[in-house]
N, C-alpha and C. Protein backbone atom coordinates (compact mmCIF):
# COMPACT_ATOMS: atom_id res chain seq x y z
N MET A 1 11.85 5.95 -40.43
CA MET A 1 10.28 5.18 -40.35
C MET A 1 10.98 4.27 -40.02
N ASP A 2 9.75 3.58 -39.22
CA ASP A 2 8.91 2.36 -38.83
C ASP A 2 8.93 1.77 -39.76
N ARG A 3 9.34 0.47 -39.82
CA ARG A 3 8.92 -0.43 -40.42
C ARG A 3 7.59 -1.74 -39.58
N PRO A 4 6.14 -1.62 -40.20
CA PRO A 4 5.58 -3.10 -39.58
C PRO A 4 6.03 -3.63 -39.14
N PRO A 5 5.48 -4.25 -37.81
CA PRO A 5 6.39 -5.38 -37.42
C PRO A 5 5.90 -6.99 -37.89
N ALA A 6 6.43 -8.33 -38.08
CA ALA A 6 5.69 -9.28 -38.71
C ALA A 6 4.40 -9.43 -38.74
N GLY A 7 3.84 -10.01 -38.86
CA GLY A 7 2.24 -10.35 -39.07
C GLY A 7 1.26 -8.97 -39.04
N THR A 8 1.68 -7.82 -39.44
CA THR A 8 0.64 -6.88 -39.33
C THR A 8 0.63 -7.50 -40.91
N VAL A 9 -1.40 -7.59 -40.58
CA VAL A 9 -1.81 -7.27 -41.94
C VAL A 9 -2.08 -6.10 -42.67
N LEU A 10 -1.73 -6.20 -43.73
CA LEU A 10 -1.89 -4.72 -44.32
C LEU A 10 -2.96 -4.27 -45.70
N ALA A 11 -3.60 -5.63 -45.78
CA ALA A 11 -4.86 -5.80 -46.73
C ALA A 11 -5.01 -6.40 -47.24
N ASN A 12 -6.64 -7.18 -47.97
CA ASN A 12 -7.09 -7.98 -48.51
C ASN A 12 -6.33 -8.29 -50.19
N VAL A 13 -6.24 -9.25 -50.67
CA VAL A 13 -5.60 -9.36 -51.61
C VAL A 13 -7.11 -9.27 -53.37
N ASP A 14 -7.95 -9.14 -52.81
CA ASP A 14 -8.90 -9.31 -53.35
C ASP A 14 -9.41 -7.59 -53.79
N ARG A 15 -9.07 -6.74 -52.49
CA ARG A 15 -9.44 -5.41 -52.66
C ARG A 15 -7.79 -4.47 -53.44
N LEU A 16 -7.44 -5.37 -53.65
CA LEU A 16 -6.08 -4.46 -54.70
C LEU A 16 -6.20 -4.85 -56.27
N PRO A 17 -6.37 -3.57 -57.01
CA PRO A 17 -6.30 -3.78 -58.22
C PRO A 17 -5.45 -4.60 -58.98
N ASP A 18 -6.05 -5.65 -59.73
CA ASP A 18 -5.13 -6.38 -60.37
C ASP A 18 -3.98 -5.38 -61.43
N LYS A 19 -2.83 -5.91 -61.65
CA LYS A 19 -1.76 -4.82 -62.66
C LYS A 19 -2.20 -3.35 -62.10
N GLY A 20 -2.19 -3.01 -61.06
CA GLY A 20 -1.96 -1.58 -60.76
C GLY A 20 -1.66 -1.60 -59.04
N GLY A 21 -2.01 -0.30 -58.25
CA GLY A 21 -1.23 -0.10 -57.06
C GLY A 21 -1.90 0.73 -56.41
N VAL A 22 -1.88 0.74 -54.91
CA VAL A 22 -2.25 1.61 -53.48
C VAL A 22 -1.90 2.05 -52.74
N ALA A 23 -1.99 3.01 -52.18
CA ALA A 23 -1.30 3.39 -50.69
C ALA A 23 -2.33 2.60 -49.88
N VAL A 24 -1.27 2.40 -48.64
CA VAL A 24 -2.09 2.06 -47.65
C VAL A 24 -0.92 2.38 -46.41
N ASP A 25 -1.52 2.75 -45.30
CA ASP A 25 -0.70 3.27 -44.19
C ASP A 25 -0.55 2.28 -43.29
N TRP A 26 0.62 2.43 -42.70
CA TRP A 26 0.66 1.83 -41.27
C TRP A 26 1.17 2.61 -40.33
N GLN A 27 0.62 3.20 -39.14
CA GLN A 27 0.89 4.13 -38.25
C GLN A 27 1.72 5.45 -38.87
N ASP A 28 2.57 5.77 -38.93
CA ASP A 28 3.06 6.74 -39.67
C ASP A 28 4.22 6.80 -40.95
N THR A 29 4.26 5.38 -41.24
CA THR A 29 4.85 4.85 -42.37
C THR A 29 4.07 4.82 -43.49
N PRO A 30 4.28 5.82 -44.66
CA PRO A 30 2.92 5.31 -45.40
C PRO A 30 4.29 4.34 -46.68
N LEU A 31 3.00 3.29 -47.17
CA LEU A 31 3.12 1.98 -48.02
C LEU A 31 2.27 2.47 -49.23
N ILE A 32 2.88 1.45 -50.41
CA ILE A 32 2.08 1.29 -51.29
C ILE A 32 2.22 0.01 -51.57
N LEU A 33 0.65 -1.30 -51.84
CA LEU A 33 0.83 -2.45 -52.44
C LEU A 33 0.59 -2.56 -54.25
N VAL A 34 1.92 -2.99 -54.65
CA VAL A 34 1.43 -3.18 -55.98
C VAL A 34 1.27 -4.72 -56.26
N ARG A 35 0.20 -4.51 -57.50
CA ARG A 35 -0.30 -6.29 -57.46
C ARG A 35 -0.06 -6.60 -58.93
N ALA A 36 -0.26 -7.54 -59.56
CA ALA A 36 0.07 -8.39 -60.94
C ALA A 36 -0.63 -9.36 -60.52
N GLY A 37 -1.59 -9.72 -60.49
CA GLY A 37 -2.13 -11.27 -60.38
C GLY A 37 -1.91 -11.59 -59.45
N ALA A 38 -1.19 -13.10 -59.12
CA ALA A 38 -0.95 -13.36 -57.99
C ALA A 38 0.13 -12.35 -56.67
N ASP A 39 1.12 -12.04 -57.48
CA ASP A 39 2.25 -11.61 -57.52
C ASP A 39 1.91 -9.92 -56.38
N VAL A 40 2.36 -9.98 -55.56
CA VAL A 40 2.14 -8.69 -54.68
C VAL A 40 3.41 -8.37 -54.18
N ARG A 41 3.43 -6.60 -53.98
CA ARG A 41 4.82 -6.25 -53.35
C ARG A 41 4.36 -5.35 -52.54
N CYS A 42 5.34 -4.72 -51.68
CA CYS A 42 5.13 -3.46 -50.74
C CYS A 42 6.34 -2.73 -51.02
N TYR A 43 6.59 -1.65 -50.29
CA TYR A 43 6.99 -0.61 -50.64
C TYR A 43 6.72 0.49 -49.96
N VAL A 44 7.69 1.58 -49.07
CA VAL A 44 7.44 2.62 -48.95
C VAL A 44 7.46 3.18 -49.86
N ASN A 45 6.27 4.60 -49.54
CA ASN A 45 5.16 5.13 -50.40
C ASN A 45 5.90 6.52 -50.51
N VAL A 46 7.69 6.51 -50.60
CA VAL A 46 8.47 7.79 -51.11
C VAL A 46 9.61 7.51 -52.11
N CYS A 47 9.51 8.51 -52.94
CA CYS A 47 10.45 8.53 -53.67
C CYS A 47 11.64 8.93 -53.53
N PRO A 48 12.33 8.06 -54.36
CA PRO A 48 13.89 8.32 -53.39
C PRO A 48 14.63 9.28 -53.83
N HIS A 49 14.07 10.10 -55.24
CA HIS A 49 14.11 11.60 -55.75
C HIS A 49 14.40 12.68 -54.73
N ALA A 50 12.79 12.83 -54.71
CA ALA A 50 12.72 13.96 -53.77
C ALA A 50 11.96 13.83 -52.69
N GLY A 51 11.56 12.55 -52.12
CA GLY A 51 10.71 12.62 -50.54
C GLY A 51 9.31 12.24 -51.02
N ARG A 52 8.89 12.79 -52.23
CA ARG A 52 7.11 12.47 -52.53
C ARG A 52 6.73 11.66 -52.59
N SER A 53 5.37 11.58 -52.13
CA SER A 53 4.34 10.59 -52.27
C SER A 53 4.52 9.57 -53.90
N LEU A 54 4.44 8.72 -54.35
CA LEU A 54 4.56 8.08 -55.10
C LEU A 54 2.73 7.49 -55.79
N ALA A 55 1.83 7.83 -55.00
CA ALA A 55 0.65 7.62 -54.89
C ALA A 55 -0.06 9.01 -55.50
N LEU A 56 -0.63 8.94 -56.02
CA LEU A 56 -1.80 10.02 -56.53
C LEU A 56 -2.16 10.63 -55.35
N PRO A 57 -3.25 11.67 -54.79
CA PRO A 57 -4.23 11.97 -54.35
C PRO A 57 -4.79 10.91 -54.24
N ASP A 58 -5.65 10.32 -54.85
CA ASP A 58 -6.52 9.60 -54.35
C ASP A 58 -6.24 8.11 -54.57
N GLY A 59 -4.59 7.94 -54.06
CA GLY A 59 -4.36 6.86 -53.05
C GLY A 59 -4.15 5.67 -54.55
N ARG A 60 -4.31 6.27 -55.52
CA ARG A 60 -4.12 4.74 -56.79
C ARG A 60 -2.14 4.85 -56.64
N VAL A 61 -1.83 4.06 -57.38
CA VAL A 61 -0.41 3.79 -57.82
C VAL A 61 -0.82 3.46 -59.52
N PHE A 62 0.37 4.47 -60.34
CA PHE A 62 0.34 4.40 -61.43
C PHE A 62 1.06 3.58 -61.82
N VAL A 63 0.98 2.58 -62.50
CA VAL A 63 1.97 1.24 -63.09
C VAL A 63 1.53 1.14 -64.40
N HIS A 64 2.79 1.20 -65.23
CA HIS A 64 2.69 1.58 -66.27
C HIS A 64 3.04 0.07 -67.42
N LYS A 65 2.21 -0.24 -67.89
CA LYS A 65 2.14 -1.73 -68.82
C LYS A 65 2.84 -2.88 -67.72
N ASP A 66 2.15 -2.44 -66.50
CA ASP A 66 1.99 -3.77 -65.89
C ASP A 66 2.92 -3.95 -64.68
N THR A 67 4.32 -2.98 -65.44
CA THR A 67 5.69 -3.52 -64.73
C THR A 67 6.24 -2.25 -64.37
N ASN A 68 6.04 -0.76 -64.46
CA ASN A 68 6.78 0.15 -63.69
C ASN A 68 5.93 1.14 -63.49
N ILE A 69 6.12 1.25 -62.06
CA ILE A 69 5.93 2.47 -61.12
C ILE A 69 6.40 3.80 -61.79
N ILE A 70 5.49 4.38 -61.56
CA ILE A 70 6.18 6.15 -61.97
C ILE A 70 5.46 6.88 -61.10
N CYS A 71 6.59 7.31 -60.61
CA CYS A 71 6.32 8.62 -59.83
C CYS A 71 5.37 9.74 -60.51
N PRO A 72 4.06 10.46 -59.23
CA PRO A 72 3.29 11.04 -60.09
C PRO A 72 3.94 12.75 -60.27
N VAL A 73 5.36 12.86 -59.33
CA VAL A 73 6.14 13.78 -59.53
C VAL A 73 7.21 14.64 -60.34
N HIS A 74 7.99 13.97 -60.30
CA HIS A 74 8.98 13.70 -61.29
C HIS A 74 9.30 12.98 -62.65
N GLY A 75 8.13 12.11 -62.63
CA GLY A 75 8.92 11.01 -63.87
C GLY A 75 9.49 9.70 -63.80
N ALA A 76 10.17 9.37 -62.03
CA ALA A 76 10.96 8.63 -61.88
C ALA A 76 10.54 7.11 -62.19
N THR A 77 11.08 6.23 -63.01
CA THR A 77 10.05 5.13 -62.69
C THR A 77 10.87 3.74 -62.14
N PHE A 78 10.48 2.90 -61.56
CA PHE A 78 10.57 1.79 -60.79
C PHE A 78 10.31 0.52 -61.35
N ASP A 79 10.93 -0.52 -61.37
CA ASP A 79 10.17 -1.74 -62.15
C ASP A 79 9.25 -2.12 -60.47
N ALA A 80 8.42 -2.77 -60.85
CA ALA A 80 7.10 -3.27 -60.14
C ALA A 80 7.51 -4.24 -59.29
N ALA A 81 8.35 -5.33 -59.89
CA ALA A 81 8.71 -6.64 -59.17
C ALA A 81 9.90 -6.03 -58.08
N SER A 82 10.94 -5.05 -58.74
CA SER A 82 12.08 -5.63 -57.60
C SER A 82 12.16 -3.87 -56.79
N GLY A 83 11.57 -3.28 -57.19
CA GLY A 83 12.01 -1.41 -56.77
C GLY A 83 13.15 -0.90 -57.00
N ALA A 84 14.16 -1.95 -58.28
CA ALA A 84 14.84 -0.82 -58.63
C ALA A 84 14.51 0.40 -59.96
N CYS A 85 15.24 1.54 -59.44
CA CYS A 85 14.88 2.41 -60.36
C CYS A 85 15.15 2.17 -61.64
N THR A 86 14.53 2.22 -62.95
CA THR A 86 14.68 2.16 -64.38
C THR A 86 14.56 3.27 -65.13
N GLY A 87 14.22 4.35 -64.27
CA GLY A 87 14.54 5.90 -65.41
C GLY A 87 13.97 7.08 -64.63
N GLY A 88 14.82 8.24 -65.11
CA GLY A 88 14.41 9.40 -64.35
C GLY A 88 15.30 9.59 -63.52
N PRO A 89 14.90 11.02 -62.42
CA PRO A 89 16.12 11.24 -62.06
C PRO A 89 15.91 10.88 -60.29
N ALA A 90 15.60 9.55 -60.37
CA ALA A 90 15.78 9.03 -58.83
C ALA A 90 16.97 8.50 -58.76
N GLY A 91 17.48 7.40 -59.39
CA GLY A 91 18.23 6.15 -59.42
C GLY A 91 18.53 5.68 -58.29
N ASP A 92 18.39 5.94 -56.91
CA ASP A 92 18.17 4.53 -55.87
C ASP A 92 16.58 4.37 -55.57
N PRO A 93 16.93 2.81 -55.57
CA PRO A 93 15.42 1.71 -55.65
C PRO A 93 14.77 2.32 -54.39
N LEU A 94 13.54 1.65 -54.56
CA LEU A 94 12.51 1.89 -53.60
C LEU A 94 12.90 0.74 -52.33
N THR A 95 12.06 1.57 -51.42
CA THR A 95 12.28 0.32 -50.05
C THR A 95 11.57 -0.38 -49.83
N ALA A 96 11.89 -1.69 -49.77
CA ALA A 96 10.76 -3.07 -49.79
C ALA A 96 10.31 -3.02 -48.65
N ILE A 97 8.98 -3.94 -48.12
CA ILE A 97 8.64 -4.63 -47.30
C ILE A 97 8.33 -5.91 -47.29
N ALA A 98 8.99 -6.89 -47.05
CA ALA A 98 8.79 -8.01 -47.37
C ALA A 98 7.66 -8.41 -46.56
N ILE A 99 6.76 -9.43 -47.64
CA ILE A 99 5.17 -9.31 -47.16
C ILE A 99 5.29 -11.23 -47.71
N ASP A 100 3.58 -11.46 -47.06
CA ASP A 100 3.47 -13.08 -47.42
C ASP A 100 1.75 -12.68 -47.99
N ILE A 101 1.55 -13.68 -48.56
CA ILE A 101 -0.13 -13.79 -48.74
C ILE A 101 -0.45 -15.23 -48.04
N VAL A 102 -1.16 -14.64 -46.89
CA VAL A 102 -1.62 -15.65 -46.36
C VAL A 102 -3.05 -15.92 -46.25
N GLY A 103 -3.57 -16.88 -47.01
CA GLY A 103 -5.26 -16.91 -47.47
C GLY A 103 -5.73 -15.74 -48.32
N ASN A 104 -6.15 -14.50 -48.04
CA ASN A 104 -6.18 -13.51 -48.92
C ASN A 104 -5.58 -12.21 -48.20
N GLU A 105 -4.79 -12.22 -47.09
CA GLU A 105 -4.13 -10.96 -46.85
C GLU A 105 -2.86 -10.90 -46.77
N VAL A 106 -2.58 -9.94 -47.06
CA VAL A 106 -1.23 -9.06 -47.11
C VAL A 106 -0.31 -9.01 -46.15
N VAL A 107 0.21 -9.85 -45.73
CA VAL A 107 0.90 -9.84 -44.23
C VAL A 107 2.42 -9.37 -44.26
N VAL A 108 2.67 -8.95 -42.97
CA VAL A 108 4.01 -8.20 -43.49
C VAL A 108 4.68 -9.46 -43.18
N ALA A 109 6.11 -10.12 -43.39
CA ALA A 109 6.89 -10.79 -43.06
C ALA A 109 7.86 -10.84 -41.92
């Protein structure tokens, strides 16, 4: 999977749900953005357990108690701030994409 090049704008911060996440796509690479206040993280939208999407069919990402991303297929959980697996069958962490917030935009670092 290709990573977006530095400088790629992925979204506007004010369009991201606070204390939640959404799927975004860059070319053929599925990504998710997860936000908690001013903190925004970006991960490849693939659960390391079975290679399935972490987003629901409508593009929302389920973030439980503002801290754990939950895979809707097998229930694996991941720390929203680090991508580390915190439970379930995945074991491996999510693949992080480094980003910066520039003004109101989420930009690949």
